[in-house]
mmCIF file of all heavy atoms, coordinates in Angstrom:
data_MODEL
# 
_entry.id   MODEL 
# 
loop_
_atom_site.group_PDB 
_atom_site.id 
_atom_site.type_symbol 
_atom_site.label_atom_id 
_atom_site.label_alt_id 
_atom_site.label_comp_id 
_atom_site.label_asym_id 
_atom_site.label_entity_id 
_atom_site.label_seq_id 
_atom_site.pdbx_PDB_ins_code 
_atom_site.Cartn_x 
_atom_site.Cartn_y 
_atom_site.Cartn_z 
_atom_site.occupancy 
_atom_site.B_iso_or_equiv 
_atom_site.pdbx_formal_charge 
_atom_site.auth_seq_id 
_atom_site.auth_comp_id 
_atom_site.auth_asym_id 
_atom_site.auth_atom_id 
_atom_site.pdbx_PDB_model_num 
ATOM 1   N N   . GLY A 1 1  ? -4.475  -4.692  -9.955  1.00 0.00 ? 1  GLY A N   1 
ATOM 2   C CA  . GLY A 1 1  ? -5.797  -4.519  -9.344  1.00 0.00 ? 1  GLY A CA  1 
ATOM 3   C C   . GLY A 1 1  ? -6.424  -5.839  -8.940  1.00 0.00 ? 1  GLY A C   1 
ATOM 4   O O   . GLY A 1 1  ? -7.020  -5.983  -7.853  1.00 0.00 ? 1  GLY A O   1 
ATOM 5   N N   . ASN A 1 2  ? -6.308  -6.844  -9.796  1.00 0.00 ? 2  ASN A N   1 
ATOM 6   C CA  . ASN A 1 2  ? -6.815  -8.170  -9.478  1.00 0.00 ? 2  ASN A CA  1 
ATOM 7   C C   . ASN A 1 2  ? -6.134  -8.744  -8.245  1.00 0.00 ? 2  ASN A C   1 
ATOM 8   O O   . ASN A 1 2  ? -6.782  -9.344  -7.381  1.00 0.00 ? 2  ASN A O   1 
ATOM 9   C CB  . ASN A 1 2  ? -6.656  -9.121  -10.656 1.00 0.00 ? 2  ASN A CB  1 
ATOM 10  C CG  . ASN A 1 2  ? -7.625  -8.814  -11.789 1.00 0.00 ? 2  ASN A CG  1 
ATOM 11  O OD1 . ASN A 1 2  ? -8.611  -8.113  -11.591 1.00 0.00 ? 2  ASN A OD1 1 
ATOM 12  N ND2 . ASN A 1 2  ? -7.320  -9.288  -12.985 1.00 0.00 ? 2  ASN A ND2 1 
ATOM 13  N N   . LEU A 1 3  ? -4.804  -8.599  -8.157  1.00 0.00 ? 3  LEU A N   1 
ATOM 14  C CA  . LEU A 1 3  ? -4.071  -9.070  -7.000  1.00 0.00 ? 3  LEU A CA  1 
ATOM 15  C C   . LEU A 1 3  ? -4.552  -8.371  -5.718  1.00 0.00 ? 3  LEU A C   1 
ATOM 16  O O   . LEU A 1 3  ? -4.815  -9.000  -4.695  1.00 0.00 ? 3  LEU A O   1 
ATOM 17  C CB  . LEU A 1 3  ? -2.567  -8.954  -7.195  1.00 0.00 ? 3  LEU A CB  1 
ATOM 18  C CG  . LEU A 1 3  ? -1.719  -9.390  -6.022  1.00 0.00 ? 3  LEU A CG  1 
ATOM 19  C CD1 . LEU A 1 3  ? -1.907  -10.873 -5.694  1.00 0.00 ? 3  LEU A CD1 1 
ATOM 20  C CD2 . LEU A 1 3  ? -0.245  -9.080  -6.313  1.00 0.00 ? 3  LEU A CD2 1 
ATOM 21  N N   . TYR A 1 4  ? -4.655  -7.047  -5.809  1.00 0.00 ? 4  TYR A N   1 
ATOM 22  C CA  . TYR A 1 4  ? -5.112  -6.278  -4.652  1.00 0.00 ? 4  TYR A CA  1 
ATOM 23  C C   . TYR A 1 4  ? -6.477  -6.755  -4.181  1.00 0.00 ? 4  TYR A C   1 
ATOM 24  O O   . TYR A 1 4  ? -6.704  -6.938  -2.992  1.00 0.00 ? 4  TYR A O   1 
ATOM 25  C CB  . TYR A 1 4  ? -5.178  -4.780  -5.044  1.00 0.00 ? 4  TYR A CB  1 
ATOM 26  C CG  . TYR A 1 4  ? -5.682  -3.898  -3.927  1.00 0.00 ? 4  TYR A CG  1 
ATOM 27  C CD1 . TYR A 1 4  ? -4.853  -3.544  -2.890  1.00 0.00 ? 4  TYR A CD1 1 
ATOM 28  C CD2 . TYR A 1 4  ? -6.995  -3.454  -3.906  1.00 0.00 ? 4  TYR A CD2 1 
ATOM 29  C CE1 . TYR A 1 4  ? -5.324  -2.727  -1.862  1.00 0.00 ? 4  TYR A CE1 1 
ATOM 30  C CE2 . TYR A 1 4  ? -7.481  -2.639  -2.898  1.00 0.00 ? 4  TYR A CE2 1 
ATOM 31  C CZ  . TYR A 1 4  ? -6.613  -2.306  -1.875  1.00 0.00 ? 4  TYR A CZ  1 
ATOM 32  O OH  . TYR A 1 4  ? -7.091  -1.529  -0.850  1.00 0.00 ? 4  TYR A OH  1 
ATOM 33  N N   . ARG A 1 5  ? -7.386  -6.997  -5.108  1.00 0.00 ? 5  ARG A N   1 
ATOM 34  C CA  . ARG A 1 5  ? -8.712  -7.413  -4.745  1.00 0.00 ? 5  ARG A CA  1 
ATOM 35  C C   . ARG A 1 5  ? -8.780  -8.821  -4.157  1.00 0.00 ? 5  ARG A C   1 
ATOM 36  O O   . ARG A 1 5  ? -9.699  -9.195  -3.467  1.00 0.00 ? 5  ARG A O   1 
ATOM 37  C CB  . ARG A 1 5  ? -9.676  -7.283  -5.906  1.00 0.00 ? 5  ARG A CB  1 
ATOM 38  C CG  . ARG A 1 5  ? -9.998  -5.838  -6.263  1.00 0.00 ? 5  ARG A CG  1 
ATOM 39  C CD  . ARG A 1 5  ? -10.971 -5.690  -7.395  1.00 0.00 ? 5  ARG A CD  1 
ATOM 40  N NE  . ARG A 1 5  ? -10.389 -6.013  -8.669  1.00 0.00 ? 5  ARG A NE  1 
ATOM 41  C CZ  . ARG A 1 5  ? -9.690  -5.192  -9.447  1.00 0.00 ? 5  ARG A CZ  1 
ATOM 42  N NH1 . ARG A 1 5  ? -9.436  -3.979  -9.045  1.00 0.00 ? 5  ARG A NH1 1 
ATOM 43  N NH2 . ARG A 1 5  ? -9.202  -5.579  -10.625 1.00 0.00 ? 5  ARG A NH2 1 
ATOM 44  N N   . LEU A 1 6  ? -7.756  -9.638  -4.391  1.00 0.00 ? 6  LEU A N   1 
ATOM 45  C CA  . LEU A 1 6  ? -7.672  -10.965 -3.794  1.00 0.00 ? 6  LEU A CA  1 
ATOM 46  C C   . LEU A 1 6  ? -7.212  -10.935 -2.353  1.00 0.00 ? 6  LEU A C   1 
ATOM 47  O O   . LEU A 1 6  ? -7.417  -11.889 -1.595  1.00 0.00 ? 6  LEU A O   1 
ATOM 48  C CB  . LEU A 1 6  ? -6.704  -11.845 -4.587  1.00 0.00 ? 6  LEU A CB  1 
ATOM 49  C CG  . LEU A 1 6  ? -7.194  -12.375 -5.908  1.00 0.00 ? 6  LEU A CG  1 
ATOM 50  C CD1 . LEU A 1 6  ? -6.050  -13.095 -6.647  1.00 0.00 ? 6  LEU A CD1 1 
ATOM 51  C CD2 . LEU A 1 6  ? -8.380  -13.316 -5.769  1.00 0.00 ? 6  LEU A CD2 1 
ATOM 52  N N   . MET A 1 7  ? -6.600  -9.839  -1.957  1.00 0.00 ? 7  MET A N   1 
ATOM 53  C CA  . MET A 1 7  ? -6.029  -9.726  -0.602  1.00 0.00 ? 7  MET A CA  1 
ATOM 54  C C   . MET A 1 7  ? -7.132  -9.537  0.446   1.00 0.00 ? 7  MET A C   1 
ATOM 55  O O   . MET A 1 7  ? -8.158  -8.901  0.174   1.00 0.00 ? 7  MET A O   1 
ATOM 56  C CB  . MET A 1 7  ? -5.062  -8.535  -0.507  1.00 0.00 ? 7  MET A CB  1 
ATOM 57  C CG  . MET A 1 7  ? -3.868  -8.689  -1.353  1.00 0.00 ? 7  MET A CG  1 
ATOM 58  S SD  . MET A 1 7  ? -2.836  -7.194  -1.193  1.00 0.00 ? 7  MET A SD  1 
ATOM 59  C CE  . MET A 1 7  ? -1.491  -7.634  -2.251  1.00 0.00 ? 7  MET A CE  1 
ATOM 60  N N   . ASP A 1 8  ? -6.876  -10.096 1.631   1.00 0.00 ? 8  ASP A N   1 
ATOM 61  C CA  . ASP A 1 8  ? -7.797  -9.845  2.741   1.00 0.00 ? 8  ASP A CA  1 
ATOM 62  C C   . ASP A 1 8  ? -7.506  -8.466  3.339   1.00 0.00 ? 8  ASP A C   1 
ATOM 63  O O   . ASP A 1 8  ? -6.504  -7.789  2.929   1.00 0.00 ? 8  ASP A O   1 
ATOM 64  C CB  . ASP A 1 8  ? -7.760  -10.936 3.774   1.00 0.00 ? 8  ASP A CB  1 
ATOM 65  C CG  . ASP A 1 8  ? -6.456  -11.084 4.514   1.00 0.00 ? 8  ASP A CG  1 
ATOM 66  O OD1 . ASP A 1 8  ? -5.761  -10.061 4.758   1.00 0.00 ? 8  ASP A OD1 1 
ATOM 67  O OD2 . ASP A 1 8  ? -6.104  -12.210 4.913   1.00 0.00 ? 8  ASP A OD2 1 
ATOM 68  N N   . SER A 1 9  ? -8.305  -8.000  4.262   1.00 0.00 ? 9  SER A N   1 
ATOM 69  C CA  . SER A 1 9  ? -8.153  -6.632  4.778   1.00 0.00 ? 9  SER A CA  1 
ATOM 70  C C   . SER A 1 9  ? -6.817  -6.388  5.451   1.00 0.00 ? 9  SER A C   1 
ATOM 71  O O   . SER A 1 9  ? -6.235  -5.308  5.332   1.00 0.00 ? 9  SER A O   1 
ATOM 72  C CB  . SER A 1 9  ? -9.297  -6.262  5.728   1.00 0.00 ? 9  SER A CB  1 
ATOM 73  O OG  . SER A 1 9  ? -9.291  -7.184  6.831   1.00 0.00 ? 9  SER A OG  1 
ATOM 74  N N   . GLY A 1 10 ? -6.307  -7.401  6.151   1.00 0.00 ? 10 GLY A N   1 
ATOM 75  C CA  . GLY A 1 10 ? -4.986  -7.279  6.801   1.00 0.00 ? 10 GLY A CA  1 
ATOM 76  C C   . GLY A 1 10 ? -3.860  -7.135  5.778   1.00 0.00 ? 10 GLY A C   1 
ATOM 77  O O   . GLY A 1 10 ? -2.938  -6.350  5.978   1.00 0.00 ? 10 GLY A O   1 
ATOM 78  N N   . GLU A 1 11 ? -3.931  -7.937  4.718   1.00 0.00 ? 11 GLU A N   1 
ATOM 79  C CA  . GLU A 1 11 ? -2.908  -7.865  3.691   1.00 0.00 ? 11 GLU A CA  1 
ATOM 80  C C   . GLU A 1 11 ? -2.944  -6.490  2.981   1.00 0.00 ? 11 GLU A C   1 
ATOM 81  O O   . GLU A 1 11 ? -1.890  -5.918  2.723   1.00 0.00 ? 11 GLU A O   1 
ATOM 82  C CB  . GLU A 1 11 ? -3.140  -8.982  2.662   1.00 0.00 ? 11 GLU A CB  1 
ATOM 83  C CG  . GLU A 1 11 ? -2.811  -10.353 3.182   1.00 0.00 ? 11 GLU A CG  1 
ATOM 84  C CD  . GLU A 1 11 ? -3.285  -11.465 2.294   1.00 0.00 ? 11 GLU A CD  1 
ATOM 85  O OE1 . GLU A 1 11 ? -4.340  -11.330 1.625   1.00 0.00 ? 11 GLU A OE1 1 
ATOM 86  O OE2 . GLU A 1 11 ? -2.594  -12.514 2.263   1.00 0.00 ? 11 GLU A OE2 1 
ATOM 87  N N   . LYS A 1 12 ? -4.137  -6.005  2.711   1.00 0.00 ? 12 LYS A N   1 
ATOM 88  C CA  . LYS A 1 12 ? -4.262  -4.698  2.084   1.00 0.00 ? 12 LYS A CA  1 
ATOM 89  C C   . LYS A 1 12 ? -3.685  -3.608  2.995   1.00 0.00 ? 12 LYS A C   1 
ATOM 90  O O   . LYS A 1 12 ? -2.977  -2.722  2.537   1.00 0.00 ? 12 LYS A O   1 
ATOM 91  C CB  . LYS A 1 12 ? -5.737  -4.376  1.775   1.00 0.00 ? 12 LYS A CB  1 
ATOM 92  C CG  . LYS A 1 12 ? -6.275  -5.172  0.628   1.00 0.00 ? 12 LYS A CG  1 
ATOM 93  C CD  . LYS A 1 12 ? -7.753  -4.849  0.394   1.00 0.00 ? 12 LYS A CD  1 
ATOM 94  C CE  . LYS A 1 12 ? -8.345  -5.701  -0.724  1.00 0.00 ? 12 LYS A CE  1 
ATOM 95  N NZ  . LYS A 1 12 ? -9.774  -5.418  -0.923  1.00 0.00 ? 12 LYS A NZ  1 
ATOM 96  N N   . ALA A 1 13 ? -3.985  -3.699  4.275   1.00 0.00 ? 13 ALA A N   1 
ATOM 97  C CA  . ALA A 1 13 ? -3.469  -2.679  5.227   1.00 0.00 ? 13 ALA A CA  1 
ATOM 98  C C   . ALA A 1 13 ? -1.920  -2.722  5.306   1.00 0.00 ? 13 ALA A C   1 
ATOM 99  O O   . ALA A 1 13 ? -1.324  -1.654  5.308   1.00 0.00 ? 13 ALA A O   1 
ATOM 100 C CB  . ALA A 1 13 ? -4.072  -2.949  6.612   1.00 0.00 ? 13 ALA A CB  1 
ATOM 101 N N   . ARG A 1 14 ? -1.371  -3.889  5.317   1.00 0.00 ? 14 ARG A N   1 
ATOM 102 C CA  . ARG A 1 14 ? 0.101   -3.984  5.357   1.00 0.00 ? 14 ARG A CA  1 
ATOM 103 C C   . ARG A 1 14 ? 0.725   -3.467  4.086   1.00 0.00 ? 14 ARG A C   1 
ATOM 104 O O   . ARG A 1 14 ? 1.759   -2.776  4.088   1.00 0.00 ? 14 ARG A O   1 
ATOM 105 C CB  . ARG A 1 14 ? 0.551   -5.422  5.661   1.00 0.00 ? 14 ARG A CB  1 
ATOM 106 C CG  . ARG A 1 14 ? 0.273   -5.861  7.084   1.00 0.00 ? 14 ARG A CG  1 
ATOM 107 C CD  . ARG A 1 14 ? 0.861   -7.222  7.436   1.00 0.00 ? 14 ARG A CD  1 
ATOM 108 N NE  . ARG A 1 14 ? 0.257   -8.303  6.685   1.00 0.00 ? 14 ARG A NE  1 
ATOM 109 C CZ  . ARG A 1 14 ? -0.912  -8.905  6.984   1.00 0.00 ? 14 ARG A CZ  1 
ATOM 110 N NH1 . ARG A 1 14 ? -1.611  -8.505  8.029   1.00 0.00 ? 14 ARG A NH1 1 
ATOM 111 N NH2 . ARG A 1 14 ? -1.363  -9.928  6.274   1.00 0.00 ? 14 ARG A NH2 1 
ATOM 112 N N   . LEU A 1 15 ? 0.134   -3.805  2.946   1.00 0.00 ? 15 LEU A N   1 
ATOM 113 C CA  . LEU A 1 15 ? 0.638   -3.313  1.639   1.00 0.00 ? 15 LEU A CA  1 
ATOM 114 C C   . LEU A 1 15 ? 0.614   -1.813  1.608   1.00 0.00 ? 15 LEU A C   1 
ATOM 115 O O   . LEU A 1 15 ? 1.623   -1.162  1.276   1.00 0.00 ? 15 LEU A O   1 
ATOM 116 C CB  . LEU A 1 15 ? -0.203  -3.902  0.490   1.00 0.00 ? 15 LEU A CB  1 
ATOM 117 C CG  . LEU A 1 15 ? 0.140   -3.364  -0.888  1.00 0.00 ? 15 LEU A CG  1 
ATOM 118 C CD1 . LEU A 1 15 ? 1.531   -3.765  -1.314  1.00 0.00 ? 15 LEU A CD1 1 
ATOM 119 C CD2 . LEU A 1 15 ? -0.888  -3.849  -1.900  1.00 0.00 ? 15 LEU A CD2 1 
ATOM 120 N N   . VAL A 1 16 ? -0.498  -1.215  1.931   1.00 0.00 ? 16 VAL A N   1 
ATOM 121 C CA  . VAL A 1 16 ? -0.633  0.233   1.926   1.00 0.00 ? 16 VAL A CA  1 
ATOM 122 C C   . VAL A 1 16 ? 0.339   0.869   2.871   1.00 0.00 ? 16 VAL A C   1 
ATOM 123 O O   . VAL A 1 16 ? 0.972   1.875   2.564   1.00 0.00 ? 16 VAL A O   1 
ATOM 124 C CB  . VAL A 1 16 ? -2.066  0.667   2.175   1.00 0.00 ? 16 VAL A CB  1 
ATOM 125 C CG1 . VAL A 1 16 ? -2.198  2.155   2.423   1.00 0.00 ? 16 VAL A CG1 1 
ATOM 126 C CG2 . VAL A 1 16 ? -2.987  0.236   1.031   1.00 0.00 ? 16 VAL A CG2 1 
ATOM 127 N N   . SER A 1 17 ? 0.469   0.327   4.087   1.00 0.00 ? 17 SER A N   1 
ATOM 128 C CA  . SER A 1 17 ? 1.398   0.834   5.062   1.00 0.00 ? 17 SER A CA  1 
ATOM 129 C C   . SER A 1 17 ? 2.830   0.818   4.540   1.00 0.00 ? 17 SER A C   1 
ATOM 130 O O   . SER A 1 17 ? 3.576   1.810   4.679   1.00 0.00 ? 17 SER A O   1 
ATOM 131 C CB  . SER A 1 17 ? 1.325   0.043   6.366   1.00 0.00 ? 17 SER A CB  1 
ATOM 132 O OG  . SER A 1 17 ? 2.268   0.478   7.298   1.00 0.00 ? 17 SER A OG  1 
ATOM 133 N N   . ASN A 1 18 ? 3.249   -0.253  3.903   1.00 0.00 ? 18 ASN A N   1 
ATOM 134 C CA  . ASN A 1 18 ? 4.580   -0.338  3.333   1.00 0.00 ? 18 ASN A CA  1 
ATOM 135 C C   . ASN A 1 18 ? 4.813   0.689   2.255   1.00 0.00 ? 18 ASN A C   1 
ATOM 136 O O   . ASN A 1 18 ? 5.856   1.330   2.198   1.00 0.00 ? 18 ASN A O   1 
ATOM 137 C CB  . ASN A 1 18 ? 4.880   -1.743  2.819   1.00 0.00 ? 18 ASN A CB  1 
ATOM 138 C CG  . ASN A 1 18 ? 5.122   -2.745  3.911   1.00 0.00 ? 18 ASN A CG  1 
ATOM 139 O OD1 . ASN A 1 18 ? 5.582   -2.436  4.975   1.00 0.00 ? 18 ASN A OD1 1 
ATOM 140 N ND2 . ASN A 1 18 ? 4.820   -4.024  3.618   1.00 0.00 ? 18 ASN A ND2 1 
ATOM 141 N N   . ILE A 1 19 ? 3.810   0.836   1.395   1.00 0.00 ? 19 ILE A N   1 
ATOM 142 C CA  . ILE A 1 19 ? 3.949   1.796   0.292   1.00 0.00 ? 19 ILE A CA  1 
ATOM 143 C C   . ILE A 1 19 ? 4.035   3.225   0.865   1.00 0.00 ? 19 ILE A C   1 
ATOM 144 O O   . ILE A 1 19 ? 4.900   4.031   0.481   1.00 0.00 ? 19 ILE A O   1 
ATOM 145 C CB  . ILE A 1 19 ? 2.767   1.695   -0.666  1.00 0.00 ? 19 ILE A CB  1 
ATOM 146 C CG1 . ILE A 1 19 ? 2.860   0.366   -1.444  1.00 0.00 ? 19 ILE A CG1 1 
ATOM 147 C CG2 . ILE A 1 19 ? 2.676   2.888   -1.630  1.00 0.00 ? 19 ILE A CG2 1 
ATOM 148 C CD1 . ILE A 1 19 ? 1.615   -0.017  -2.231  1.00 0.00 ? 19 ILE A CD1 1 
ATOM 149 N N   . VAL A 1 20 ? 3.183   3.547   1.810   1.00 0.00 ? 20 VAL A N   1 
ATOM 150 C CA  . VAL A 1 20 ? 3.172   4.881   2.399   1.00 0.00 ? 20 VAL A CA  1 
ATOM 151 C C   . VAL A 1 20 ? 4.523   5.163   3.061   1.00 0.00 ? 20 VAL A C   1 
ATOM 152 O O   . VAL A 1 20 ? 5.102   6.227   2.904   1.00 0.00 ? 20 VAL A O   1 
ATOM 153 C CB  . VAL A 1 20 ? 1.995   5.046   3.382   1.00 0.00 ? 20 VAL A CB  1 
ATOM 154 C CG1 . VAL A 1 20 ? 2.150   6.293   4.248   1.00 0.00 ? 20 VAL A CG1 1 
ATOM 155 C CG2 . VAL A 1 20 ? 0.662   5.074   2.608   1.00 0.00 ? 20 VAL A CG2 1 
ATOM 156 N N   . THR A 1 21 ? 5.026   4.202   3.808   1.00 0.00 ? 21 THR A N   1 
ATOM 157 C CA  . THR A 1 21 ? 6.315   4.356   4.494   1.00 0.00 ? 21 THR A CA  1 
ATOM 158 C C   . THR A 1 21 ? 7.433   4.686   3.513   1.00 0.00 ? 21 THR A C   1 
ATOM 159 O O   . THR A 1 21 ? 8.274   5.542   3.751   1.00 0.00 ? 21 THR A O   1 
ATOM 160 C CB  . THR A 1 21 ? 6.669   3.092   5.328   1.00 0.00 ? 21 THR A CB  1 
ATOM 161 O OG1 . THR A 1 21 ? 5.695   2.918   6.300   1.00 0.00 ? 21 THR A OG1 1 
ATOM 162 C CG2 . THR A 1 21 ? 8.022   3.199   5.930   1.00 0.00 ? 21 THR A CG2 1 
ATOM 163 N N   . HIS A 1 22 ? 7.423   4.017   2.373   1.00 0.00 ? 22 HIS A N   1 
ATOM 164 C CA  . HIS A 1 22 ? 8.484   4.234   1.376   1.00 0.00 ? 22 HIS A CA  1 
ATOM 165 C C   . HIS A 1 22 ? 8.261   5.507   0.545   1.00 0.00 ? 22 HIS A C   1 
ATOM 166 O O   . HIS A 1 22 ? 9.194   6.036   -0.035  1.00 0.00 ? 22 HIS A O   1 
ATOM 167 C CB  . HIS A 1 22 ? 8.606   3.024   0.473   1.00 0.00 ? 22 HIS A CB  1 
ATOM 168 C CG  . HIS A 1 22 ? 9.254   1.893   1.148   1.00 0.00 ? 22 HIS A CG  1 
ATOM 169 N ND1 . HIS A 1 22 ? 8.558   0.933   1.889   1.00 0.00 ? 22 HIS A ND1 1 
ATOM 170 C CD2 . HIS A 1 22 ? 10.552  1.534   1.289   1.00 0.00 ? 22 HIS A CD2 1 
ATOM 171 C CE1 . HIS A 1 22 ? 9.398   0.071   2.420   1.00 0.00 ? 22 HIS A CE1 1 
ATOM 172 N NE2 . HIS A 1 22 ? 10.602  0.407   2.045   1.00 0.00 ? 22 HIS A NE2 1 
ATOM 173 N N   . MET A 1 23 ? 7.029   6.010   0.490   1.00 0.00 ? 23 MET A N   1 
ATOM 174 C CA  . MET A 1 23 ? 6.727   7.164   -0.349  1.00 0.00 ? 23 MET A CA  1 
ATOM 175 C C   . MET A 1 23 ? 6.607   8.484   0.405   1.00 0.00 ? 23 MET A C   1 
ATOM 176 O O   . MET A 1 23 ? 6.629   9.538   -0.178  1.00 0.00 ? 23 MET A O   1 
ATOM 177 C CB  . MET A 1 23 ? 5.459   6.944   -1.122  1.00 0.00 ? 23 MET A CB  1 
ATOM 178 C CG  . MET A 1 23 ? 5.508   5.970   -2.233  1.00 0.00 ? 23 MET A CG  1 
ATOM 179 S SD  . MET A 1 23 ? 3.933   5.831   -3.134  1.00 0.00 ? 23 MET A SD  1 
ATOM 180 C CE  . MET A 1 23 ? 3.708   7.509   -3.689  1.00 0.00 ? 23 MET A CE  1 
ATOM 181 N N   . GLU A 1 24 ? 6.543   8.409   1.743   1.00 0.00 ? 24 GLU A N   1 
ATOM 182 C CA  . GLU A 1 24 ? 6.236   9.608   2.505   1.00 0.00 ? 24 GLU A CA  1 
ATOM 183 C C   . GLU A 1 24 ? 7.241   10.731  2.400   1.00 0.00 ? 24 GLU A C   1 
ATOM 184 O O   . GLU A 1 24 ? 6.915   11.907  2.587   1.00 0.00 ? 24 GLU A O   1 
ATOM 185 C CB  . GLU A 1 24 ? 5.944   9.278   3.967   1.00 0.00 ? 24 GLU A CB  1 
ATOM 186 C CG  . GLU A 1 24 ? 7.078   8.668   4.728   1.00 0.00 ? 24 GLU A CG  1 
ATOM 187 C CD  . GLU A 1 24 ? 6.617   8.099   6.071   1.00 0.00 ? 24 GLU A CD  1 
ATOM 188 O OE1 . GLU A 1 24 ? 5.438   8.219   6.440   1.00 0.00 ? 24 GLU A OE1 1 
ATOM 189 O OE2 . GLU A 1 24 ? 7.472   7.554   6.784   1.00 0.00 ? 24 GLU A OE2 1 
ATOM 190 N N   . LYS A 1 25 ? 8.473   10.433  2.047   1.00 0.00 ? 25 LYS A N   1 
ATOM 191 C CA  . LYS A 1 25 ? 9.499   11.480  1.919   1.00 0.00 ? 25 LYS A CA  1 
ATOM 192 C C   . LYS A 1 25 ? 9.662   11.963  0.483   1.00 0.00 ? 25 LYS A C   1 
ATOM 193 O O   . LYS A 1 25 ? 10.436  12.884  0.225   1.00 0.00 ? 25 LYS A O   1 
ATOM 194 C CB  . LYS A 1 25 ? 10.836  11.000  2.495   1.00 0.00 ? 25 LYS A CB  1 
ATOM 195 C CG  . LYS A 1 25 ? 10.777  10.832  3.992   1.00 0.00 ? 25 LYS A CG  1 
ATOM 196 C CD  . LYS A 1 25 ? 12.088  10.454  4.555   1.00 0.00 ? 25 LYS A CD  1 
ATOM 197 C CE  . LYS A 1 25 ? 11.941  10.240  6.064   1.00 0.00 ? 25 LYS A CE  1 
ATOM 198 N NZ  . LYS A 1 25 ? 13.208  9.790   6.672   1.00 0.00 ? 25 LYS A NZ  1 
ATOM 199 N N   . ALA A 1 26 ? 8.927   11.365  -0.435  1.00 0.00 ? 26 ALA A N   1 
ATOM 200 C CA  . ALA A 1 26 ? 8.998   11.763  -1.839  1.00 0.00 ? 26 ALA A CA  1 
ATOM 201 C C   . ALA A 1 26 ? 8.301   13.098  -2.032  1.00 0.00 ? 26 ALA A C   1 
ATOM 202 O O   . ALA A 1 26 ? 7.413   13.487  -1.278  1.00 0.00 ? 26 ALA A O   1 
ATOM 203 C CB  . ALA A 1 26 ? 8.350   10.712  -2.736  1.00 0.00 ? 26 ALA A CB  1 
ATOM 204 N N   . ASN A 1 27 ? 8.680   13.813  -3.061  1.00 0.00 ? 27 ASN A N   1 
ATOM 205 C CA  . ASN A 1 27 ? 8.039   15.055  -3.444  1.00 0.00 ? 27 ASN A CA  1 
ATOM 206 C C   . ASN A 1 27 ? 6.545   14.801  -3.655  1.00 0.00 ? 27 ASN A C   1 
ATOM 207 O O   . ASN A 1 27 ? 6.153   13.769  -4.202  1.00 0.00 ? 27 ASN A O   1 
ATOM 208 C CB  . ASN A 1 27 ? 8.705   15.504  -4.755  1.00 0.00 ? 27 ASN A CB  1 
ATOM 209 C CG  . ASN A 1 27 ? 8.066   16.769  -5.324  1.00 0.00 ? 27 ASN A CG  1 
ATOM 210 O OD1 . ASN A 1 27 ? 6.968   16.738  -5.784  1.00 0.00 ? 27 ASN A OD1 1 
ATOM 211 N ND2 . ASN A 1 27 ? 8.828   17.840  -5.234  1.00 0.00 ? 27 ASN A ND2 1 
ATOM 212 N N   . GLN A 1 28 ? 5.736   15.764  -3.221  1.00 0.00 ? 28 GLN A N   1 
ATOM 213 C CA  . GLN A 1 28 ? 4.291   15.583  -3.286  1.00 0.00 ? 28 GLN A CA  1 
ATOM 214 C C   . GLN A 1 28 ? 3.782   15.376  -4.728  1.00 0.00 ? 28 GLN A C   1 
ATOM 215 O O   . GLN A 1 28 ? 2.811   14.631  -4.956  1.00 0.00 ? 28 GLN A O   1 
ATOM 216 C CB  . GLN A 1 28 ? 3.577   16.740  -2.619  1.00 0.00 ? 28 GLN A CB  1 
ATOM 217 C CG  . GLN A 1 28 ? 2.115   16.437  -2.325  1.00 0.00 ? 28 GLN A CG  1 
ATOM 218 C CD  . GLN A 1 28 ? 1.467   17.517  -1.505  1.00 0.00 ? 28 GLN A CD  1 
ATOM 219 O OE1 . GLN A 1 28 ? 1.189   18.582  -2.013  1.00 0.00 ? 28 GLN A OE1 1 
ATOM 220 N NE2 . GLN A 1 28 ? 1.221   17.201  -0.245  1.00 0.00 ? 28 GLN A NE2 1 
ATOM 221 N N   . ASP A 1 29 ? 4.403   16.016  -5.698  1.00 0.00 ? 29 ASP A N   1 
ATOM 222 C CA  . ASP A 1 29 ? 3.985   15.788  -7.091  1.00 0.00 ? 29 ASP A CA  1 
ATOM 223 C C   . ASP A 1 29 ? 4.176   14.326  -7.509  1.00 0.00 ? 29 ASP A C   1 
ATOM 224 O O   . ASP A 1 29 ? 3.340   13.738  -8.180  1.00 0.00 ? 29 ASP A O   1 
ATOM 225 C CB  . ASP A 1 29 ? 4.767   16.697  -8.054  1.00 0.00 ? 29 ASP A CB  1 
ATOM 226 C CG  . ASP A 1 29 ? 4.390   18.166  -7.915  1.00 0.00 ? 29 ASP A CG  1 
ATOM 227 O OD1 . ASP A 1 29 ? 3.265   18.436  -7.476  1.00 0.00 ? 29 ASP A OD1 1 
ATOM 228 O OD2 . ASP A 1 29 ? 5.241   19.019  -8.266  1.00 0.00 ? 29 ASP A OD2 1 
# 
């Protein structure tokens, strides 16, 4: 959480995008 809060808005957006891309085919549970 501390690392996330240190990120600027662009870094947060890229991080979330990467996570979503890798998780989107996983089971919804």
